[in-house]
Amino acid sequence: MDAITPKIAEFIPALASFLIVFFVLSKFGWPAISDMLDKRAEMIRDGLERAEAAKIEAERLLEEYKQTMADARKEAGGILQQAKQAAEATRLEGTAKTQAEIDDMLAKARESIEGERRAAVASLQASVAEISVAVAGKLIGSELSAEDHSSVIEKYISEAGSLNAN
């Protein structure tokens, strides 16, 4: 039991030292430590409040971003639709212009062919008339006068023209 019971000569100075340290710590140490813990708790509380505010702001910005993206997609769709319509209108306009040019070219070609045909028919009629007069002159055995020649040509042209009309 001697080992666990303190000796009075050692107990009183230890108790006095303990009371002095306890008094000094309670007067100066605990308030400083308590203030430091209070400041730390306040700093943590402020950090949590700022984090919560930042979270709310981030959520608001995310919703704003989503709305902006939806608006941009909608606008891009509208622009794409307008571009398609413009391309289709341009294509139709080009097709109509090309068709008009083709029709114009066909009309000119038909006119040219008709003119060439008329010229060929007239040339053929004149050639036939001259050959006919020459053959008639040889058959008759005499040469025709210019006046007779002209009347025979007119007669054959009118007959060839009436045959051509049928």
N, C-alpha and C. Protein backbone atom coordinates (compact mmCIF):
# COMPACT_ATOMS: atom_id res chain seq x y z
N MET A 1 0.80 -1.17 0.00
CA MET A 1 0.00 0.00 0.00
C MET A 1 0.86 1.26 0.00
N ASP A 2 2.02 1.16 0.43
CA ASP A 2 2.91 2.31 0.43
C ASP A 2 3.15 2.83 -0.99
N ALA A 3 3.07 1.92 -1.90
CA ALA A 3 3.37 2.32 -3.27
C ALA A 3 2.26 3.18 -3.87
N ILE A 4 1.04 3.00 -3.43
CA ILE A 4 -0.04 3.77 -4.04
C ILE A 4 -0.48 4.96 -3.20
N THR A 5 -0.13 5.07 -1.99
CA THR A 5 -0.50 6.22 -1.18
C THR A 5 0.59 7.28 -1.29
N PRO A 6 0.19 8.53 -1.53
CA PRO A 6 1.21 9.56 -1.68
C PRO A 6 1.78 9.96 -0.31
N LYS A 7 2.97 10.46 -0.36
CA LYS A 7 3.62 10.95 0.86
C LYS A 7 3.25 12.42 1.00
N ILE A 8 3.03 12.85 2.17
CA ILE A 8 2.56 14.20 2.44
C ILE A 8 3.61 15.20 1.98
N ALA A 9 4.83 14.89 2.09
CA ALA A 9 5.88 15.81 1.70
C ALA A 9 5.87 16.03 0.19
N GLU A 10 5.43 15.08 -0.53
CA GLU A 10 5.35 15.21 -1.98
C GLU A 10 3.96 15.67 -2.42
N PHE A 11 2.95 15.35 -1.64
CA PHE A 11 1.57 15.62 -2.04
C PHE A 11 1.26 17.11 -2.00
N ILE A 12 1.68 17.82 -0.97
CA ILE A 12 1.35 19.23 -0.82
C ILE A 12 1.99 20.06 -1.94
N PRO A 13 3.29 19.90 -2.25
CA PRO A 13 3.83 20.72 -3.35
C PRO A 13 3.19 20.34 -4.69
N ALA A 14 2.83 19.07 -4.90
CA ALA A 14 2.19 18.65 -6.15
C ALA A 14 0.80 19.24 -6.25
N LEU A 15 0.07 19.26 -5.11
CA LEU A 15 -1.26 19.84 -5.10
C LEU A 15 -1.18 21.34 -5.33
N ALA A 16 -0.22 22.00 -4.75
CA ALA A 16 -0.05 23.44 -4.93
C ALA A 16 0.30 23.73 -6.38
N SER A 17 1.19 22.96 -6.95
CA SER A 17 1.57 23.14 -8.36
C SER A 17 0.36 22.91 -9.26
N PHE A 18 -0.39 21.91 -8.96
CA PHE A 18 -1.58 21.62 -9.77
C PHE A 18 -2.57 22.76 -9.69
N LEU A 19 -2.83 23.29 -8.51
CA LEU A 19 -3.78 24.37 -8.36
C LEU A 19 -3.28 25.64 -9.07
N ILE A 20 -1.97 25.90 -9.03
CA ILE A 20 -1.42 27.07 -9.72
C ILE A 20 -1.58 26.89 -11.24
N VAL A 21 -1.23 25.73 -11.75
CA VAL A 21 -1.35 25.48 -13.19
C VAL A 21 -2.83 25.52 -13.59
N PHE A 22 -3.71 24.96 -12.74
CA PHE A 22 -5.13 24.97 -13.04
C PHE A 22 -5.67 26.40 -13.07
N PHE A 23 -5.25 27.23 -12.12
CA PHE A 23 -5.69 28.61 -12.06
C PHE A 23 -5.18 29.40 -13.27
N VAL A 24 -3.90 29.23 -13.60
CA VAL A 24 -3.32 29.95 -14.75
C VAL A 24 -4.03 29.51 -16.05
N LEU A 25 -4.21 28.20 -16.20
CA LEU A 25 -4.88 27.72 -17.42
C LEU A 25 -6.34 28.17 -17.48
N SER A 26 -7.05 28.16 -16.36
CA SER A 26 -8.45 28.57 -16.38
C SER A 26 -8.58 30.07 -16.61
N LYS A 27 -7.59 30.86 -16.15
CA LYS A 27 -7.64 32.29 -16.31
C LYS A 27 -7.18 32.71 -17.71
N PHE A 28 -6.12 32.09 -18.25
CA PHE A 28 -5.55 32.54 -19.51
C PHE A 28 -5.67 31.51 -20.65
N GLY A 29 -5.54 30.26 -20.35
CA GLY A 29 -5.50 29.23 -21.39
C GLY A 29 -6.86 28.88 -21.97
N TRP A 30 -7.81 28.58 -21.06
CA TRP A 30 -9.14 28.17 -21.53
C TRP A 30 -9.84 29.26 -22.34
N PRO A 31 -9.80 30.50 -21.95
CA PRO A 31 -10.46 31.51 -22.78
C PRO A 31 -9.81 31.64 -24.17
N ALA A 32 -8.49 31.56 -24.23
CA ALA A 32 -7.82 31.65 -25.54
C ALA A 32 -8.18 30.44 -26.40
N ILE A 33 -8.17 29.26 -25.77
CA ILE A 33 -8.52 28.05 -26.51
C ILE A 33 -10.00 28.10 -26.92
N SER A 34 -10.86 28.56 -26.03
CA SER A 34 -12.28 28.67 -26.32
C SER A 34 -12.53 29.67 -27.46
N ASP A 35 -11.84 30.83 -27.41
CA ASP A 35 -11.96 31.82 -28.49
C ASP A 35 -11.50 31.23 -29.82
N MET A 36 -10.39 30.52 -29.77
CA MET A 36 -9.87 29.91 -30.98
C MET A 36 -10.87 28.89 -31.54
N LEU A 37 -11.46 28.07 -30.68
CA LEU A 37 -12.45 27.09 -31.12
C LEU A 37 -13.71 27.79 -31.66
N ASP A 38 -14.12 28.89 -31.00
CA ASP A 38 -15.29 29.64 -31.48
C ASP A 38 -15.02 30.25 -32.86
N LYS A 39 -13.80 30.83 -33.03
CA LYS A 39 -13.44 31.39 -34.33
C LYS A 39 -13.40 30.30 -35.40
N ARG A 40 -12.86 29.18 -35.02
CA ARG A 40 -12.79 28.06 -35.97
C ARG A 40 -14.20 27.60 -36.36
N ALA A 41 -15.10 27.49 -35.38
CA ALA A 41 -16.48 27.08 -35.66
C ALA A 41 -17.17 28.13 -36.55
N GLU A 42 -16.92 29.42 -36.27
CA GLU A 42 -17.51 30.49 -37.08
C GLU A 42 -16.98 30.43 -38.51
N MET A 43 -15.67 30.19 -38.65
CA MET A 43 -15.07 30.09 -39.97
C MET A 43 -15.66 28.90 -40.74
N ILE A 44 -15.83 27.78 -40.08
CA ILE A 44 -16.43 26.61 -40.72
C ILE A 44 -17.88 26.90 -41.12
N ARG A 45 -18.64 27.57 -40.24
CA ARG A 45 -20.01 27.93 -40.51
C ARG A 45 -20.08 28.87 -41.73
N ASP A 46 -19.18 29.87 -41.79
CA ASP A 46 -19.14 30.79 -42.94
C ASP A 46 -18.78 30.03 -44.23
N GLY A 47 -17.85 29.12 -44.13
CA GLY A 47 -17.46 28.32 -45.31
C GLY A 47 -18.63 27.49 -45.81
N LEU A 48 -19.38 26.90 -44.89
CA LEU A 48 -20.56 26.12 -45.28
C LEU A 48 -21.62 27.01 -45.93
N GLU A 49 -21.82 28.20 -45.39
CA GLU A 49 -22.79 29.12 -45.96
C GLU A 49 -22.36 29.56 -47.36
N ARG A 50 -21.07 29.87 -47.53
CA ARG A 50 -20.58 30.25 -48.86
C ARG A 50 -20.70 29.08 -49.83
N ALA A 51 -20.40 27.87 -49.36
CA ALA A 51 -20.53 26.69 -50.22
C ALA A 51 -21.98 26.49 -50.63
N GLU A 52 -22.90 26.69 -49.71
CA GLU A 52 -24.32 26.55 -50.03
C GLU A 52 -24.75 27.62 -51.04
N ALA A 53 -24.28 28.85 -50.85
CA ALA A 53 -24.60 29.93 -51.79
C ALA A 53 -24.00 29.63 -53.17
N ALA A 54 -22.77 29.12 -53.18
CA ALA A 54 -22.12 28.77 -54.46
C ALA A 54 -22.88 27.63 -55.13
N LYS A 55 -23.37 26.69 -54.35
CA LYS A 55 -24.13 25.57 -54.91
C LYS A 55 -25.43 26.09 -55.54
N ILE A 56 -26.11 26.97 -54.84
CA ILE A 56 -27.36 27.54 -55.37
C ILE A 56 -27.07 28.33 -56.65
N GLU A 57 -25.99 29.12 -56.64
CA GLU A 57 -25.62 29.90 -57.83
C GLU A 57 -25.26 28.97 -58.99
N ALA A 58 -24.53 27.89 -58.70
CA ALA A 58 -24.16 26.92 -59.74
C ALA A 58 -25.40 26.26 -60.33
N GLU A 59 -26.36 25.92 -59.49
CA GLU A 59 -27.61 25.33 -59.98
C GLU A 59 -28.37 26.33 -60.85
N ARG A 60 -28.39 27.60 -60.43
CA ARG A 60 -29.06 28.63 -61.22
C ARG A 60 -28.37 28.80 -62.57
N LEU A 61 -27.03 28.82 -62.56
CA LEU A 61 -26.28 28.96 -63.80
C LEU A 61 -26.48 27.74 -64.71
N LEU A 62 -26.57 26.55 -64.10
CA LEU A 62 -26.81 25.34 -64.88
C LEU A 62 -28.17 25.41 -65.57
N GLU A 63 -29.19 25.84 -64.86
CA GLU A 63 -30.52 25.98 -65.47
C GLU A 63 -30.50 27.04 -66.57
N GLU A 64 -29.79 28.14 -66.31
CA GLU A 64 -29.67 29.19 -67.33
C GLU A 64 -28.95 28.65 -68.56
N TYR A 65 -27.90 27.88 -68.34
CA TYR A 65 -27.14 27.27 -69.44
C TYR A 65 -28.03 26.31 -70.23
N LYS A 66 -28.80 25.48 -69.54
CA LYS A 66 -29.70 24.55 -70.21
C LYS A 66 -30.73 25.31 -71.05
N GLN A 67 -31.26 26.40 -70.50
CA GLN A 67 -32.24 27.19 -71.24
C GLN A 67 -31.60 27.84 -72.46
N THR A 68 -30.38 28.35 -72.29
CA THR A 68 -29.67 28.96 -73.42
C THR A 68 -29.39 27.93 -74.50
N MET A 69 -28.98 26.74 -74.11
CA MET A 69 -28.72 25.68 -75.08
C MET A 69 -30.00 25.28 -75.81
N ALA A 70 -31.11 25.19 -75.08
CA ALA A 70 -32.38 24.85 -75.72
C ALA A 70 -32.78 25.94 -76.72
N ASP A 71 -32.59 27.20 -76.33
CA ASP A 71 -32.90 28.31 -77.24
C ASP A 71 -31.99 28.26 -78.47
N ALA A 72 -30.71 27.97 -78.25
CA ALA A 72 -29.75 27.90 -79.37
C ALA A 72 -30.12 26.75 -80.32
N ARG A 73 -30.49 25.61 -79.76
CA ARG A 73 -30.90 24.49 -80.61
C ARG A 73 -32.15 24.85 -81.43
N LYS A 74 -33.09 25.51 -80.76
CA LYS A 74 -34.32 25.92 -81.44
C LYS A 74 -34.00 26.91 -82.56
N GLU A 75 -33.14 27.87 -82.26
CA GLU A 75 -32.75 28.87 -83.27
C GLU A 75 -31.98 28.21 -84.42
N ALA A 76 -31.09 27.26 -84.08
CA ALA A 76 -30.34 26.55 -85.13
C ALA A 76 -31.29 25.75 -86.01
N GLY A 77 -32.29 25.14 -85.41
CA GLY A 77 -33.29 24.41 -86.19
C GLY A 77 -34.04 25.33 -87.13
N GLY A 78 -34.39 26.52 -86.64
CA GLY A 78 -35.07 27.50 -87.48
C GLY A 78 -34.19 27.97 -88.62
N ILE A 79 -32.92 28.23 -88.32
CA ILE A 79 -31.99 28.67 -89.37
C ILE A 79 -31.81 27.56 -90.39
N LEU A 80 -31.68 26.33 -89.92
CA LEU A 80 -31.53 25.20 -90.83
C LEU A 80 -32.76 25.05 -91.73
N GLN A 81 -33.94 25.22 -91.15
CA GLN A 81 -35.17 25.13 -91.93
C GLN A 81 -35.23 26.24 -92.98
N GLN A 82 -34.84 27.46 -92.58
CA GLN A 82 -34.82 28.57 -93.54
C GLN A 82 -33.83 28.31 -94.66
N ALA A 83 -32.67 27.74 -94.30
CA ALA A 83 -31.66 27.44 -95.33
C ALA A 83 -32.19 26.39 -96.30
N LYS A 84 -32.88 25.38 -95.78
CA LYS A 84 -33.46 24.35 -96.65
C LYS A 84 -34.50 24.97 -97.59
N GLN A 85 -35.33 25.85 -97.03
CA GLN A 85 -36.35 26.50 -97.86
C GLN A 85 -35.71 27.38 -98.93
N ALA A 86 -34.67 28.10 -98.54
CA ALA A 86 -33.98 28.97 -99.51
C ALA A 86 -33.32 28.13 -100.59
N ALA A 87 -32.70 27.01 -100.20
CA ALA A 87 -32.07 26.13 -101.19
C ALA A 87 -33.11 25.55 -102.14
N GLU A 88 -34.25 25.16 -101.60
CA GLU A 88 -35.32 24.60 -102.44
C GLU A 88 -35.85 25.67 -103.40
N ALA A 89 -36.02 26.89 -102.90
CA ALA A 89 -36.50 27.98 -103.75
C ALA A 89 -35.49 28.27 -104.86
N THR A 90 -34.21 28.27 -104.49
CA THR A 90 -33.16 28.51 -105.48
C THR A 90 -33.14 27.40 -106.52
N ARG A 91 -33.31 26.17 -106.06
CA ARG A 91 -33.33 25.03 -106.98
C ARG A 91 -34.52 25.14 -107.93
N LEU A 92 -35.69 25.46 -107.39
CA LEU A 92 -36.88 25.60 -108.23
C LEU A 92 -36.73 26.75 -109.22
N GLU A 93 -36.15 27.84 -108.75
CA GLU A 93 -35.93 28.99 -109.63
C GLU A 93 -34.95 28.63 -110.75
N GLY A 94 -33.88 27.92 -110.38
CA GLY A 94 -32.91 27.49 -111.39
C GLY A 94 -33.53 26.53 -112.38
N THR A 95 -34.36 25.62 -111.88
CA THR A 95 -35.04 24.66 -112.75
C THR A 95 -35.98 25.39 -113.71
N ALA A 96 -36.74 26.35 -113.20
CA ALA A 96 -37.66 27.11 -114.03
C ALA A 96 -36.90 27.92 -115.08
N LYS A 97 -35.79 28.52 -114.67
CA LYS A 97 -34.98 29.31 -115.60
C LYS A 97 -34.40 28.42 -116.69
N THR A 98 -33.87 27.25 -116.27
CA THR A 98 -33.31 26.31 -117.24
C THR A 98 -34.39 25.82 -118.20
N GLN A 99 -35.57 25.51 -117.67
CA GLN A 99 -36.68 25.05 -118.52
C GLN A 99 -37.07 26.13 -119.51
N ALA A 100 -37.10 27.39 -119.06
CA ALA A 100 -37.45 28.50 -119.96
C ALA A 100 -36.40 28.63 -121.07
N GLU A 101 -35.12 28.48 -120.69
CA GLU A 101 -34.05 28.55 -121.69
C GLU A 101 -34.16 27.41 -122.69
N ILE A 102 -34.47 26.22 -122.19
CA ILE A 102 -34.63 25.05 -123.06
C ILE A 102 -35.80 25.28 -124.03
N ASP A 103 -36.93 25.77 -123.49
CA ASP A 103 -38.09 26.05 -124.34
C ASP A 103 -37.74 27.09 -125.39
N ASP A 104 -37.01 28.12 -124.98
CA ASP A 104 -36.58 29.16 -125.91
C ASP A 104 -35.71 28.57 -127.01
N MET A 105 -34.75 27.73 -126.61
CA MET A 105 -33.84 27.12 -127.59
C MET A 105 -34.61 26.21 -128.55
N LEU A 106 -35.58 25.45 -128.01
CA LEU A 106 -36.40 24.59 -128.86
C LEU A 106 -37.21 25.41 -129.86
N ALA A 107 -37.79 26.51 -129.39
CA ALA A 107 -38.59 27.36 -130.28
C ALA A 107 -37.70 27.93 -131.39
N LYS A 108 -36.50 28.39 -131.02
CA LYS A 108 -35.58 28.94 -132.03
C LYS A 108 -35.14 27.85 -133.00
N ALA A 109 -34.88 26.66 -132.47
CA ALA A 109 -34.47 25.54 -133.34
C ALA A 109 -35.61 25.18 -134.30
N ARG A 110 -36.83 25.16 -133.80
CA ARG A 110 -37.98 24.84 -134.66
C ARG A 110 -38.14 25.90 -135.76
N GLU A 111 -37.99 27.17 -135.35
CA GLU A 111 -38.09 28.24 -136.34
C GLU A 111 -36.99 28.11 -137.39
N SER A 112 -35.78 27.82 -136.91
CA SER A 112 -34.65 27.67 -137.83
C SER A 112 -34.88 26.49 -138.77
N ILE A 113 -35.36 25.38 -138.22
CA ILE A 113 -35.63 24.19 -139.04
C ILE A 113 -36.72 24.49 -140.05
N GLU A 114 -37.77 25.20 -139.61
CA GLU A 114 -38.87 25.54 -140.53
C GLU A 114 -38.37 26.46 -141.64
N GLY A 115 -37.52 27.44 -141.27
CA GLY A 115 -36.97 28.34 -142.29
C GLY A 115 -36.10 27.57 -143.28
N GLU A 116 -35.26 26.67 -142.75
CA GLU A 116 -34.42 25.85 -143.63
C GLU A 116 -35.28 24.96 -144.53
N ARG A 117 -36.36 24.42 -143.97
CA ARG A 117 -37.25 23.56 -144.75
C ARG A 117 -37.90 24.37 -145.88
N ARG A 118 -38.36 25.57 -145.53
CA ARG A 118 -38.97 26.43 -146.57
C ARG A 118 -37.97 26.76 -147.67
N ALA A 119 -36.74 27.10 -147.23
CA ALA A 119 -35.71 27.43 -148.21
C ALA A 119 -35.41 26.22 -149.09
N ALA A 120 -35.34 25.03 -148.46
CA ALA A 120 -35.06 23.80 -149.21
C ALA A 120 -36.20 23.50 -150.18
N VAL A 121 -37.45 23.68 -149.72
CA VAL A 121 -38.61 23.43 -150.59
C VAL A 121 -38.60 24.41 -151.75
N ALA A 122 -38.33 25.69 -151.46
CA ALA A 122 -38.30 26.69 -152.52
C ALA A 122 -37.20 26.38 -153.52
N SER A 123 -36.03 26.01 -153.00
CA SER A 123 -34.91 25.66 -153.87
C SER A 123 -35.25 24.42 -154.70
N LEU A 124 -35.87 23.44 -154.07
CA LEU A 124 -36.26 22.22 -154.76
C LEU A 124 -37.31 22.51 -155.83
N GLN A 125 -38.27 23.37 -155.48
CA GLN A 125 -39.30 23.74 -156.46
C GLN A 125 -38.68 24.44 -157.66
N ALA A 126 -37.73 25.34 -157.40
CA ALA A 126 -37.08 26.05 -158.50
C ALA A 126 -36.29 25.08 -159.36
N SER A 127 -35.58 24.14 -158.71
CA SER A 127 -34.80 23.16 -159.45
C SER A 127 -35.71 22.25 -160.27
N VAL A 128 -36.80 21.81 -159.67
CA VAL A 128 -37.74 20.94 -160.38
C VAL A 128 -38.33 21.69 -161.56
N ALA A 129 -38.65 22.95 -161.34
CA ALA A 129 -39.24 23.73 -162.42
C ALA A 129 -38.25 23.88 -163.57
N GLU A 130 -37.00 24.19 -163.26
CA GLU A 130 -36.00 24.36 -164.31
C GLU A 130 -35.76 23.05 -165.05
N ILE A 131 -35.68 21.96 -164.32
CA ILE A 131 -35.47 20.65 -164.95
C ILE A 131 -36.67 20.30 -165.82
N SER A 132 -37.86 20.58 -165.28
CA SER A 132 -39.08 20.28 -166.05
C SER A 132 -39.13 21.08 -167.34
N VAL A 133 -38.77 22.34 -167.29
CA VAL A 133 -38.77 23.19 -168.48
C VAL A 133 -37.74 22.68 -169.47
N ALA A 134 -36.56 22.29 -168.93
CA ALA A 134 -35.51 21.79 -169.82
C ALA A 134 -35.96 20.49 -170.47
N VAL A 135 -36.59 19.62 -169.72
CA VAL A 135 -37.07 18.35 -170.27
C VAL A 135 -38.19 18.62 -171.27
N ALA A 136 -39.07 19.52 -170.92
CA ALA A 136 -40.19 19.85 -171.82
C ALA A 136 -39.66 20.46 -173.10
N GLY A 137 -38.64 21.28 -172.98
CA GLY A 137 -38.04 21.89 -174.17
C GLY A 137 -37.42 20.84 -175.06
N LYS A 138 -36.80 19.86 -174.50
CA LYS A 138 -36.17 18.80 -175.29
C LYS A 138 -37.24 17.93 -175.91
N LEU A 139 -38.31 17.68 -175.18
CA LEU A 139 -39.38 16.86 -175.72
C LEU A 139 -40.10 17.57 -176.86
N ILE A 140 -40.31 18.81 -176.68
CA ILE A 140 -40.99 19.57 -177.70
C ILE A 140 -40.04 19.78 -178.88
N GLY A 141 -38.80 19.85 -178.58
CA GLY A 141 -37.80 19.99 -179.61
C GLY A 141 -37.51 21.42 -179.95
N SER A 142 -38.00 22.30 -179.23
CA SER A 142 -37.69 23.70 -179.49
C SER A 142 -37.37 24.39 -178.18
N GLU A 143 -36.78 25.49 -178.36
CA GLU A 143 -36.42 26.25 -177.18
C GLU A 143 -37.56 27.18 -176.87
N LEU A 144 -37.83 27.33 -175.58
CA LEU A 144 -38.93 28.20 -175.17
C LEU A 144 -38.40 29.62 -175.02
N SER A 145 -39.28 30.54 -175.23
CA SER A 145 -38.89 31.93 -175.03
C SER A 145 -38.86 32.21 -173.54
N ALA A 146 -38.31 33.32 -173.17
CA ALA A 146 -38.19 33.69 -171.76
C ALA A 146 -39.57 33.81 -171.13
N GLU A 147 -40.52 34.33 -171.92
CA GLU A 147 -41.88 34.50 -171.43
C GLU A 147 -42.52 33.14 -171.22
N ASP A 148 -42.37 32.20 -172.17
CA ASP A 148 -42.91 30.85 -172.03
C ASP A 148 -42.22 30.13 -170.87
N HIS A 149 -40.97 30.31 -170.84
CA HIS A 149 -40.16 29.68 -169.78
C HIS A 149 -40.70 30.11 -168.42
N SER A 150 -40.96 31.38 -168.23
CA SER A 150 -41.45 31.95 -166.99
C SER A 150 -42.83 31.42 -166.66
N SER A 151 -43.72 31.34 -167.64
CA SER A 151 -45.08 30.85 -167.39
C SER A 151 -45.06 29.38 -167.01
N VAL A 152 -44.21 28.57 -167.66
CA VAL A 152 -44.12 27.14 -167.34
C VAL A 152 -43.58 26.98 -165.91
N ILE A 153 -42.60 27.74 -165.55
CA ILE A 153 -42.01 27.66 -164.18
C ILE A 153 -43.09 28.01 -163.17
N GLU A 154 -43.86 29.07 -163.41
CA GLU A 154 -44.91 29.48 -162.48
C GLU A 154 -45.95 28.38 -162.35
N LYS A 155 -46.28 27.74 -163.45
CA LYS A 155 -47.28 26.67 -163.46
C LYS A 155 -46.77 25.50 -162.61
N TYR A 156 -45.53 25.09 -162.85
CA TYR A 156 -44.99 23.96 -162.08
C TYR A 156 -44.82 24.28 -160.60
N ILE A 157 -44.44 25.49 -160.29
CA ILE A 157 -44.29 25.90 -158.87
C ILE A 157 -45.64 25.84 -158.19
N SER A 158 -46.68 26.36 -158.87
CA SER A 158 -48.01 26.33 -158.25
C SER A 158 -48.50 24.91 -158.08
N GLU A 159 -48.19 24.02 -159.02
CA GLU A 159 -48.58 22.62 -158.88
C GLU A 159 -47.78 21.93 -157.79
N ALA A 160 -46.50 22.20 -157.72
CA ALA A 160 -45.65 21.61 -156.66
C ALA A 160 -46.07 22.12 -155.31
N GLY A 161 -46.44 23.40 -155.24
CA GLY A 161 -46.91 23.98 -153.98
C GLY A 161 -48.21 23.35 -153.54
N SER A 162 -49.11 23.07 -154.48
CA SER A 162 -50.37 22.47 -154.11
C SER A 162 -50.16 21.01 -153.69
N LEU A 163 -49.18 20.33 -154.27
CA LEU A 163 -48.87 18.96 -153.87
C LEU A 163 -48.24 18.96 -152.48
N ASN A 164 -47.44 19.94 -152.21
CA ASN A 164 -46.77 20.05 -150.91
C ASN A 164 -47.75 20.32 -149.80
N ALA A 165 -48.79 21.09 -150.08
CA ALA A 165 -49.79 21.45 -149.09
C ALA A 165 -50.60 20.23 -148.68
N ASN A 166 -50.76 19.25 -149.58
CA ASN A 166 -51.53 18.06 -149.27
C ASN A 166 -50.68 17.19 -148.47
